[in-house]
């Protein structure tokens, strides 16, 4: 076989591999995206039209299902509850976790390694093993059936992940920046708040987005720690709506509620996907 023939076969093989890879990714993308697209346009269809033609586009695009889900099914109340719990947890988790990460990354003290690996051990602890003792602990603190208790628990479970990501990120920031801040008269907290924290913005953004998504969709802890209907978060509200609409055969309102739940996390990721990638890669590379 001549050299030119071997080169042509090699190029054809490489082209074939690329083509197959692209086809696989396209098929996977369709499998992932199509259910969300179908859910989105189905939310505009009344139940009768849904049963008549499940896959077609709506004959008339109306917001009746969304109005019913928001007001009559109280999705609006659950939405604001979830927003309050999520933002409050983010503030607590990022503040406490970033301070711990900064200390572990930039200061040397006894038991530093034990503390760091203790935080990492929190990421490996199965949630289901701690639900029963957690319930009694929150009850003994008088925080059961309250948003404050849920926020404290969410922050406690989220701080290990924050420490894991931000400690690696703070280590990439040159120590000379801290030394310059000390020469300018900054104390320990001023160094953290005015110099180091702004430099860690990509890492904070990454942690914030992942935390937002996980808390917004969290169901088990909210189910265990909240019992009052007016305190329910979105996942609990959707579960109740699913149960009710199943017997009322009003799937249009149910799909509208699912779209309301899905859109914040989807928009959050689409808008900030560049910051997510930058935060993960910068924190993982030293130099």
C-alpha atoms as a PDB file:
ATOM      1  CA  UNK A   1       0.000   0.000   0.000  1.00  0.00           C
ATOM      2  CA  UNK A   2       1.392   3.374  -0.970  1.00  0.00           C
ATOM      3  CA  UNK A   3       1.970   6.217   1.447  1.00  0.00           C
ATOM      4  CA  UNK A   4      -0.771   8.338  -0.148  1.00  0.00           C
ATOM      5  CA  UNK A   5      -3.326   5.530   0.154  1.00  0.00           C
ATOM      6  CA  UNK A   6      -2.470   5.042   3.846  1.00  0.00           C
ATOM      7  CA  UNK A   7      -2.828   8.780   4.438  1.00  0.00           C
ATOM      8  CA  UNK A   8      -6.240   8.820   2.743  1.00  0.00           C
ATOM      9  CA  UNK A   9      -7.446   5.851   4.809  1.00  0.00           C
ATOM     10  CA  UNK A  10      -6.192   7.518   7.989  1.00  0.00           C
ATOM     11  CA  UNK A  11      -8.060  10.708   7.143  1.00  0.00           C
ATOM     12  CA  UNK A  12     -11.223   8.781   6.320  1.00  0.00           C
ATOM     13  CA  UNK A  13     -10.974   6.922   9.630  1.00  0.00           C
ATOM     14  CA  UNK A  14     -10.528  10.169  11.543  1.00  0.00           C
ATOM     15  CA  UNK A  15     -13.452  11.748   9.678  1.00  0.00           C
ATOM     16  CA  UNK A  16     -15.602   8.702  10.408  1.00  0.00           C
ATOM     17  CA  UNK A  17     -14.783   8.858  14.146  1.00  0.00           C
ATOM     18  CA  UNK A  18     -15.638  12.550  14.280  1.00  0.00           C
ATOM     19  CA  UNK A  19     -18.880  11.968  12.392  1.00  0.00           C
ATOM     20  CA  UNK A  20     -19.950   9.148  14.703  1.00  0.00           C
ATOM     21  CA  UNK A  21     -19.072  11.251  17.763  1.00  0.00           C
ATOM     22  CA  UNK A  22     -21.113  14.190  16.469  1.00  0.00           C
ATOM     23  CA  UNK A  23     -24.081  11.933  15.716  1.00  0.00           C
ATOM     24  CA  UNK A  24     -23.950  10.515  19.247  1.00  0.00           C
ATOM     25  CA  UNK A  25     -23.894  14.008  20.764  1.00  0.00           C
ATOM     26  CA  UNK A  26     -26.744  15.181  18.533  1.00  0.00           C
ATOM     27  CA  UNK A  27     -28.900  12.181  19.480  1.00  0.00           C
ATOM     28  CA  UNK A  28     -28.088  12.697  23.155  1.00  0.00           C
ATOM     29  CA  UNK A  29     -28.926  16.394  22.879  1.00  0.00           C
ATOM     30  CA  UNK A  30     -32.297  15.628  21.294  1.00  0.00           C
ATOM     31  CA  UNK A  31     -33.067  13.093  24.037  1.00  0.00           C
ATOM     32  CA  UNK A  32     -32.268  15.672  26.734  1.00  0.00           C
ATOM     33  CA  UNK A  33     -33.749  18.801  25.168  1.00  0.00           C
ATOM     34  CA  UNK A  34     -36.942  17.481  23.572  1.00  0.00           C
ATOM     35  CA  UNK A  35     -38.743  16.591  26.860  1.00  0.00           C
ATOM     36  CA  UNK A  36     -38.143  20.127  28.141  1.00  0.00           C
ATOM     37  CA  UNK A  37     -39.356  21.681  24.885  1.00  0.00           C
ATOM     38  CA  UNK A  38     -42.421  19.417  24.889  1.00  0.00           C
ATOM     39  CA  UNK A  39     -43.176  20.347  28.506  1.00  0.00           C
ATOM     40  CA  UNK A  40     -42.830  24.044  27.676  1.00  0.00           C
ATOM     41  CA  UNK A  41     -45.321  24.176  24.801  1.00  0.00           C
ATOM     42  CA  UNK A  42     -47.650  21.604  26.403  1.00  0.00           C
ATOM     43  CA  UNK A  43     -48.074  23.917  29.380  1.00  0.00           C
ATOM     44  CA  UNK A  44     -50.016  26.263  27.078  1.00  0.00           C
ATOM     45  CA  UNK A  45     -52.529  23.566  26.054  1.00  0.00           C
ATOM     46  CA  UNK A  46     -55.760  22.740  27.892  1.00  0.00           C
ATOM     47  CA  UNK A  47     -56.134  19.176  29.123  1.00  0.00           C
ATOM     48  CA  UNK A  48     -58.717  18.304  26.454  1.00  0.00           C
ATOM     49  CA  UNK A  49     -56.359  19.379  23.680  1.00  0.00           C
ATOM     50  CA  UNK A  50     -53.504  17.489  25.335  1.00  0.00           C
ATOM     51  CA  UNK A  51     -55.453  14.215  25.245  1.00  0.00           C
ATOM     52  CA  UNK A  52     -56.606  14.851  21.683  1.00  0.00           C
ATOM     53  CA  UNK A  53     -53.098  15.505  20.339  1.00  0.00           C
ATOM     54  CA  UNK A  54     -50.234  15.141  22.805  1.00  0.00           C
ATOM     55  CA  UNK A  55     -47.349  15.998  20.459  1.00  0.00           C
ATOM     56  CA  UNK A  56     -48.773  18.862  18.418  1.00  0.00           C
ATOM     57  CA  UNK A  57     -48.275  22.553  19.125  1.00  0.00           C
ATOM     58  CA  UNK A  58     -51.084  24.430  20.912  1.00  0.00           C
ATOM     59  CA  UNK A  59     -53.914  25.605  18.702  1.00  0.00           C
ATOM     60  CA  UNK A  60     -54.009  28.824  20.726  1.00  0.00           C
ATOM     61  CA  UNK A  61     -51.255  30.019  23.032  1.00  0.00           C
ATOM     62  CA  UNK A  62     -52.951  30.986  26.300  1.00  0.00           C
ATOM     63  CA  UNK A  63     -51.648  31.653  29.811  1.00  0.00           C
ATOM     64  CA  UNK A  64     -54.705  30.202  31.568  1.00  0.00           C
ATOM     65  CA  UNK A  65     -52.757  27.218  32.929  1.00  0.00           C
ATOM     66  CA  UNK A  66     -50.064  29.451  34.366  1.00  0.00           C
ATOM     67  CA  UNK A  67     -52.627  31.758  36.009  1.00  0.00           C
ATOM     68  CA  UNK A  68     -54.405  28.764  37.533  1.00  0.00           C
ATOM     69  CA  UNK A  69     -51.170  27.213  38.792  1.00  0.00           C
ATOM     70  CA  UNK A  70     -49.856  30.512  40.193  1.00  0.00           C
ATOM     71  CA  UNK A  71     -53.003  31.600  42.031  1.00  0.00           C
ATOM     72  CA  UNK A  72     -55.431  28.727  42.571  1.00  0.00           C
ATOM     73  CA  UNK A  73     -52.763  26.070  43.147  1.00  0.00           C
ATOM     74  CA  UNK A  74     -50.691  28.552  45.246  1.00  0.00           C
ATOM     75  CA  UNK A  75     -47.562  28.024  43.195  1.00  0.00           C
ATOM     76  CA  UNK A  76     -46.916  31.737  43.613  1.00  0.00           C
ATOM     77  CA  UNK A  77     -46.704  31.396  47.416  1.00  0.00           C
ATOM     78  CA  UNK A  78     -44.420  28.388  47.112  1.00  0.00           C
ATOM     79  CA  UNK A  79     -42.264  30.279  44.616  1.00  0.00           C
ATOM     80  CA  UNK A  80     -41.612  33.150  47.026  1.00  0.00           C
ATOM     81  CA  UNK A  81     -40.967  30.702  49.874  1.00  0.00           C
ATOM     82  CA  UNK A  82     -38.351  28.900  47.787  1.00  0.00           C
ATOM     83  CA  UNK A  83     -36.796  32.180  46.691  1.00  0.00           C
ATOM     84  CA  UNK A  84     -36.492  33.400  50.292  1.00  0.00           C
ATOM     85  CA  UNK A  85     -35.031  30.108  51.547  1.00  0.00           C
ATOM     86  CA  UNK A  86     -32.618  29.790  48.618  1.00  0.00           C
ATOM     87  CA  UNK A  87     -31.250  33.348  48.774  1.00  0.00           C
ATOM     88  CA  UNK A  88     -30.934  33.269  52.572  1.00  0.00           C
ATOM     89  CA  UNK A  89     -29.079  29.958  52.426  1.00  0.00           C
ATOM     90  CA  UNK A  90     -26.780  31.286  49.711  1.00  0.00           C
ATOM     91  CA  UNK A  91     -25.817  34.323  51.794  1.00  0.00           C
ATOM     92  CA  UNK A  92     -25.101  32.269  54.916  1.00  0.00           C
ATOM     93  CA  UNK A  93     -23.301  29.470  53.103  1.00  0.00           C
ATOM     94  CA  UNK A  94     -21.100  31.704  50.948  1.00  0.00           C
ATOM     95  CA  UNK A  95     -20.162  34.008  53.840  1.00  0.00           C
ATOM     96  CA  UNK A  96     -19.285  31.282  56.349  1.00  0.00           C
ATOM     97  CA  UNK A  97     -17.817  28.908  53.760  1.00  0.00           C
ATOM     98  CA  UNK A  98     -15.646  31.560  52.122  1.00  0.00           C
ATOM     99  CA  UNK A  99     -14.223  32.661  55.485  1.00  0.00           C
ATOM    100  CA  UNK A 100     -13.381  29.065  56.383  1.00  0.00           C
ATOM    101  CA  UNK A 101     -11.863  28.471  52.935  1.00  0.00           C
ATOM    102  CA  UNK A 102      -9.756  31.625  53.138  1.00  0.00           C
ATOM    103  CA  UNK A 103      -8.414  30.628  56.556  1.00  0.00           C
ATOM    104  CA  UNK A 104      -7.610  27.081  55.468  1.00  0.00           C
ATOM    105  CA  UNK A 105      -5.919  28.227  52.267  1.00  0.00           C
ATOM    106  CA  UNK A 106      -3.859  31.185  53.477  1.00  0.00           C
ATOM    107  CA  UNK A 107      -3.021  30.552  57.153  1.00  0.00           C
ATOM    108  CA  UNK A 108      -0.975  27.830  58.826  1.00  0.00           C
ATOM    109  CA  UNK A 109      -2.136  26.521  62.213  1.00  0.00           C
ATOM    110  CA  UNK A 110      -2.439  23.289  64.146  1.00  0.00           C
ATOM    111  CA  UNK A 111      -5.106  20.803  63.059  1.00  0.00           C
ATOM    112  CA  UNK A 112      -5.460  22.643  59.754  1.00  0.00           C
ATOM    113  CA  UNK A 113      -5.446  19.395  57.788  1.00  0.00           C
ATOM    114  CA  UNK A 114      -7.876  17.750  60.214  1.00  0.00           C
ATOM    115  CA  UNK A 115     -10.323  20.629  59.829  1.00  0.00           C
ATOM    116  CA  UNK A 116     -10.058  20.576  56.041  1.00  0.00           C
ATOM    117  CA  UNK A 117     -10.630  16.839  55.745  1.00  0.00           C
ATOM    118  CA  UNK A 118     -13.372  17.114  58.329  1.00  0.00           C
ATOM    119  CA  UNK A 119     -15.187  19.477  55.980  1.00  0.00           C
ATOM    120  CA  UNK A 120     -14.605  17.101  53.081  1.00  0.00           C
ATOM    121  CA  UNK A 121     -16.016  14.229  55.136  1.00  0.00           C
ATOM    122  CA  UNK A 122     -19.267  16.180  55.318  1.00  0.00           C
ATOM    123  CA  UNK A 123     -19.623  15.790  51.543  1.00  0.00           C
ATOM    124  CA  UNK A 124     -19.476  12.009  51.879  1.00  0.00           C
ATOM    125  CA  UNK A 125     -22.101  11.683  54.625  1.00  0.00           C
ATOM    126  CA  UNK A 126     -25.319  10.141  53.240  1.00  0.00           C
ATOM    127  CA  UNK A 127     -28.321  12.383  53.797  1.00  0.00           C
ATOM    128  CA  UNK A 128     -30.711   9.526  54.577  1.00  0.00           C
ATOM    129  CA  UNK A 129     -28.605   8.354  57.536  1.00  0.00           C
ATOM    130  CA  UNK A 130     -28.989  11.704  59.255  1.00  0.00           C
ATOM    131  CA  UNK A 131     -32.650  12.498  58.655  1.00  0.00           C
ATOM    132  CA  UNK A 132     -34.028  11.018  61.909  1.00  0.00           C
ATOM    133  CA  UNK A 133     -31.418  12.492  64.313  1.00  0.00           C
ATOM    134  CA  UNK A 134     -31.520  15.748  62.331  1.00  0.00           C
ATOM    135  CA  UNK A 135     -35.286  15.929  62.833  1.00  0.00           C
ATOM    136  CA  UNK A 136     -34.970  15.578  66.619  1.00  0.00           C
ATOM    137  CA  UNK A 137     -32.034  18.010  66.736  1.00  0.00           C
ATOM    138  CA  UNK A 138     -33.951  20.703  64.859  1.00  0.00           C
ATOM    139  CA  UNK A 139     -36.999  20.021  67.043  1.00  0.00           C
ATOM    140  CA  UNK A 140     -34.965  20.396  70.256  1.00  0.00           C
ATOM    141  CA  UNK A 141     -33.629  23.729  68.999  1.00  0.00           C
ATOM    142  CA  UNK A 142     -37.184  24.972  68.418  1.00  0.00           C
ATOM    143  CA  UNK A 143     -36.581  25.413  64.690  1.00  0.00           C
ATOM    144  CA  UNK A 144     -38.885  22.689  63.394  1.00  0.00           C
ATOM    145  CA  UNK A 145     -41.525  23.795  60.875  1.00  0.00           C
ATOM    146  CA  UNK A 146     -39.810  27.099  60.154  1.00  0.00           C
ATOM    147  CA  UNK A 147     -37.854  28.581  57.292  1.00  0.00           C
ATOM    148  CA  UNK A 148     -35.017  29.450  59.684  1.00  0.00           C
ATOM    149  CA  UNK A 149     -34.519  25.805  60.609  1.00  0.00           C
ATOM    150  CA  UNK A 150     -34.515  24.784  56.951  1.00  0.00           C
ATOM    151  CA  UNK A 151     -32.006  27.518  56.071  1.00  0.00           C
ATOM    152  CA  UNK A 152     -29.643  26.440  58.870  1.00  0.00           C
ATOM    153  CA  UNK A 153     -29.775  22.808  57.758  1.00  0.00           C
ATOM    154  CA  UNK A 154     -29.267  23.664  54.082  1.00  0.00           C
ATOM    155  CA  UNK A 155     -26.278  25.881  54.922  1.00  0.00           C
ATOM    156  CA  UNK A 156     -24.740  23.178  57.128  1.00  0.00           C
ATOM    157  CA  UNK A 157     -24.998  20.604  54.351  1.00  0.00           C
ATOM    158  CA  UNK A 158     -23.691  23.060  51.734  1.00  0.00           C
ATOM    159  CA  UNK A 159     -20.656  24.482  53.555  1.00  0.00           C
ATOM    160  CA  UNK A 160     -18.434  21.396  52.928  1.00  0.00           C
ATOM    161  CA  UNK A 161     -18.862  21.798  49.161  1.00  0.00           C
ATOM    162  CA  UNK A 162     -18.153  25.524  49.463  1.00  0.00           C
ATOM    163  CA  UNK A 163     -14.954  24.842  51.404  1.00  0.00           C
ATOM    164  CA  UNK A 164     -13.880  22.179  48.898  1.00  0.00           C
ATOM    165  CA  UNK A 165     -14.202  24.517  45.893  1.00  0.00           C
ATOM    166  CA  UNK A 166     -13.093  27.831  47.408  1.00  0.00           C
ATOM    167  CA  UNK A 167     -10.078  26.486  49.317  1.00  0.00           C
ATOM    168  CA  UNK A 168      -8.571  25.311  46.034  1.00  0.00           C
ATOM    169  CA  UNK A 169      -9.479  28.664  44.485  1.00  0.00           C
ATOM    170  CA  UNK A 170      -7.931  30.794  47.272  1.00  0.00           C
ATOM    171  CA  UNK A 171      -4.708  28.791  46.999  1.00  0.00           C
ATOM    172  CA  UNK A 172      -4.277  30.012  43.427  1.00  0.00           C
ATOM    173  CA  UNK A 173      -4.260  33.667  44.562  1.00  0.00           C
ATOM    174  CA  UNK A 174      -0.646  34.864  45.068  1.00  0.00           C
ATOM    175  CA  UNK A 175       0.402  35.482  48.671  1.00  0.00           C
ATOM    176  CA  UNK A 176       2.107  38.704  47.562  1.00  0.00           C
ATOM    177  CA  UNK A 177      -1.342  40.291  47.248  1.00  0.00           C
ATOM    178  CA  UNK A 178      -1.974  39.629  50.942  1.00  0.00           C
ATOM    179  CA  UNK A 179       1.435  41.025  51.852  1.00  0.00           C
ATOM    180  CA  UNK A 180       0.697  44.206  49.904  1.00  0.00           C
ATOM    181  CA  UNK A 181      -2.599  44.525  51.764  1.00  0.00           C
ATOM    182  CA  UNK A 182      -0.865  44.144  55.134  1.00  0.00           C
ATOM    183  CA  UNK A 183       1.614  46.863  54.181  1.00  0.00           C
ATOM    184  CA  UNK A 184      -1.360  49.116  53.393  1.00  0.00           C
ATOM    185  CA  UNK A 185      -2.712  48.578  56.902  1.00  0.00           C
ATOM    186  CA  UNK A 186      -5.371  45.921  56.328  1.00  0.00           C
ATOM    187  CA  UNK A 187      -6.291  43.635  59.195  1.00  0.00           C
ATOM    188  CA  UNK A 188      -7.264  39.992  58.845  1.00  0.00           C
ATOM    189  CA  UNK A 189     -10.939  40.666  58.114  1.00  0.00           C
ATOM    190  CA  UNK A 190     -10.119  43.580  55.799  1.00  0.00           C
ATOM    191  CA  UNK A 191      -7.780  41.341  53.816  1.00  0.00           C
ATOM    192  CA  UNK A 192     -10.564  38.815  53.435  1.00  0.00           C
ATOM    193  CA  UNK A 193     -13.402  41.247  52.723  1.00  0.00           C
ATOM    194  CA  UNK A 194     -11.739  43.913  50.601  1.00  0.00           C
ATOM    195  CA  UNK A 195      -9.019  42.000  48.734  1.00  0.00           C
ATOM    196  CA  UNK A 196      -9.428  38.224  48.704  1.00  0.00           C
ATOM    197  CA  UNK A 197     -13.207  37.946  48.395  1.00  0.00           C
ATOM    198  CA  UNK A 198     -13.486  40.124  45.238  1.00  0.00           C
ATOM    199  CA  UNK A 199     -10.683  38.085  43.636  1.00  0.00           C
ATOM    200  CA  UNK A 200     -12.617  34.895  44.377  1.00  0.00           C
ATOM    201  CA  UNK A 201     -15.707  36.051  42.485  1.00  0.00           C
ATOM    202  CA  UNK A 202     -15.547  33.288  39.806  1.00  0.00           C
ATOM    203  CA  UNK A 203     -15.370  30.624  42.504  1.00  0.00           C
ATOM    204  CA  UNK A 204     -18.178  32.239  44.481  1.00  0.00           C
ATOM    205  CA  UNK A 205     -20.311  32.364  41.347  1.00  0.00           C
ATOM    206  CA  UNK A 206     -19.720  28.680  40.674  1.00  0.00           C
ATOM    207  CA  UNK A 207     -20.603  27.638  44.216  1.00  0.00           C
ATOM    208  CA  UNK A 208     -23.596  29.965  44.229  1.00  0.00           C
ATOM    209  CA  UNK A 209     -25.073  28.526  41.036  1.00  0.00           C
ATOM    210  CA  UNK A 210     -24.659  24.897  42.083  1.00  0.00           C
ATOM    211  CA  UNK A 211     -26.088  25.725  45.510  1.00  0.00           C
ATOM    212  CA  UNK A 212     -29.028  27.570  43.988  1.00  0.00           C
ATOM    213  CA  UNK A 213     -29.890  24.642  41.740  1.00  0.00           C
ATOM    214  CA  UNK A 214     -29.601  22.033  44.494  1.00  0.00           C
ATOM    215  CA  UNK A 215     -31.628  23.983  47.070  1.00  0.00           C
ATOM    216  CA  UNK A 216     -34.279  25.089  44.593  1.00  0.00           C
ATOM    217  CA  UNK A 217     -34.965  21.459  43.695  1.00  0.00           C
ATOM    218  CA  UNK A 218     -34.467  19.944  47.170  1.00  0.00           C
ATOM    219  CA  UNK A 219     -37.393  17.849  48.407  1.00  0.00           C
ATOM    220  CA  UNK A 220     -36.470  15.414  51.202  1.00  0.00           C
ATOM    221  CA  UNK A 221     -35.288  17.838  53.891  1.00  0.00           C
ATOM    222  CA  UNK A 222     -38.123  20.260  53.175  1.00  0.00           C
ATOM    223  CA  UNK A 223     -40.625  17.405  53.470  1.00  0.00           C
ATOM    224  CA  UNK A 224     -39.199  16.305  56.832  1.00  0.00           C
ATOM    225  CA  UNK A 225     -38.702  19.733  58.414  1.00  0.00           C
ATOM    226  CA  UNK A 226     -41.779  21.617  57.131  1.00  0.00           C
ATOM    227  CA  UNK A 227     -45.364  20.646  57.900  1.00  0.00           C
ATOM    228  CA  UNK A 228     -47.348  23.875  57.540  1.00  0.00           C
ATOM    229  CA  UNK A 229     -48.832  24.401  54.094  1.00  0.00           C
ATOM    230  CA  UNK A 230     -47.999  28.116  53.986  1.00  0.00           C
ATOM    231  CA  UNK A 231     -44.283  27.337  54.465  1.00  0.00           C
ATOM    232  CA  UNK A 232     -43.955  24.846  51.610  1.00  0.00           C
ATOM    233  CA  UNK A 233     -41.255  25.298  49.008  1.00  0.00           C
ATOM    234  CA  UNK A 234     -41.658  24.683  45.276  1.00  0.00           C
ATOM    235  CA  UNK A 235     -40.848  20.934  45.232  1.00  0.00           C
ATOM    236  CA  UNK A 236     -43.383  20.305  48.011  1.00  0.00           C
ATOM    237  CA  UNK A 237     -45.960  22.465  46.259  1.00  0.00           C
ATOM    238  CA  UNK A 238     -45.461  20.639  42.972  1.00  0.00           C
ATOM    239  CA  UNK A 239     -45.820  17.275  44.729  1.00  0.00           C
ATOM    240  CA  UNK A 240     -49.152  18.380  46.222  1.00  0.00           C
ATOM    241  CA  UNK A 241     -50.246  19.845  42.879  1.00  0.00           C
ATOM    242  CA  UNK A 242     -49.370  16.600  41.125  1.00  0.00           C
ATOM    243  CA  UNK A 243     -51.468  14.620  43.589  1.00  0.00           C
ATOM    244  CA  UNK A 244     -54.449  16.978  43.285  1.00  0.00           C
ATOM    245  CA  UNK A 245     -54.342  17.435  39.516  1.00  0.00           C
ATOM    246  CA  UNK A 246     -54.023  13.694  38.996  1.00  0.00           C
ATOM    247  CA  UNK A 247     -57.496  13.192  40.427  1.00  0.00           C
ATOM    248  CA  UNK A 248     -58.922  16.356  38.864  1.00  0.00           C
ATOM    249  CA  UNK A 249     -57.409  15.422  35.458  1.00  0.00           C
ATOM    250  CA  UNK A 250     -56.020  18.920  34.922  1.00  0.00           C
ATOM    251  CA  UNK A 251     -52.593  18.229  33.523  1.00  0.00           C
ATOM    252  CA  UNK A 252     -52.301  21.663  31.926  1.00  0.00           C
ATOM    253  CA  UNK A 253     -51.968  23.375  35.313  1.00  0.00           C
ATOM    254  CA  UNK A 254     -49.542  20.691  36.463  1.00  0.00           C
ATOM    255  CA  UNK A 255     -47.280  21.193  33.440  1.00  0.00           C
ATOM    256  CA  UNK A 256     -47.460  24.957  33.922  1.00  0.00           C
ATOM    257  CA  UNK A 257     -46.312  24.500  37.513  1.00  0.00           C
ATOM    258  CA  UNK A 258     -43.425  22.329  36.355  1.00  0.00           C
ATOM    259  CA  UNK A 259     -42.359  25.019  33.873  1.00  0.00           C
ATOM    260  CA  UNK A 260     -42.397  27.632  36.658  1.00  0.00           C
ATOM    261  CA  UNK A 261     -40.147  25.380  38.742  1.00  0.00           C
ATOM    262  CA  UNK A 262     -37.793  24.624  35.858  1.00  0.00           C
ATOM    263  CA  UNK A 263     -37.287  28.086  34.372  1.00  0.00           C
ATOM    264  CA  UNK A 264     -35.266  29.788  37.185  1.00  0.00           C
ATOM    265  CA  UNK A 265     -32.569  27.107  37.283  1.00  0.00           C
ATOM    266  CA  UNK A 266     -32.484  26.816  33.497  1.00  0.00           C
ATOM    267  CA  UNK A 267     -32.130  30.574  32.988  1.00  0.00           C
ATOM    268  CA  UNK A 268     -29.555  30.755  35.775  1.00  0.00           C
ATOM    269  CA  UNK A 269     -27.365  28.179  34.076  1.00  0.00           C
ATOM    270  CA  UNK A 270     -27.811  29.557  30.551  1.00  0.00           C
ATOM    271  CA  UNK A 271     -26.915  33.110  31.594  1.00  0.00           C
ATOM    272  CA  UNK A 272     -23.992  32.189  33.863  1.00  0.00           C
ATOM    273  CA  UNK A 273     -22.570  29.076  32.193  1.00  0.00           C
ATOM    274  CA  UNK A 274     -19.344  30.882  31.284  1.00  0.00           C
ATOM    275  CA  UNK A 275     -18.773  31.849  34.917  1.00  0.00           C
ATOM    276  CA  UNK A 276     -19.422  28.256  36.004  1.00  0.00           C
ATOM    277  CA  UNK A 277     -16.781  26.888  33.651  1.00  0.00           C
ATOM    278  CA  UNK A 278     -14.276  29.604  34.533  1.00  0.00           C
ATOM    279  CA  UNK A 279     -14.748  29.121  38.260  1.00  0.00           C
ATOM    280  CA  UNK A 280     -14.271  25.346  38.099  1.00  0.00           C
ATOM    281  CA  UNK A 281     -11.185  25.451  35.868  1.00  0.00           C
ATOM    282  CA  UNK A 282      -9.415  28.369  37.584  1.00  0.00           C
ATOM    283  CA  UNK A 283      -9.856  26.776  40.989  1.00  0.00           C
ATOM    284  CA  UNK A 284      -8.454  23.500  39.730  1.00  0.00           C
ATOM    285  CA  UNK A 285      -5.233  24.840  38.199  1.00  0.00           C
ATOM    286  CA  UNK A 286      -2.414  26.103  40.344  1.00  0.00           C
ATOM    287  CA  UNK A 287      -0.037  28.705  39.065  1.00  0.00           C
END
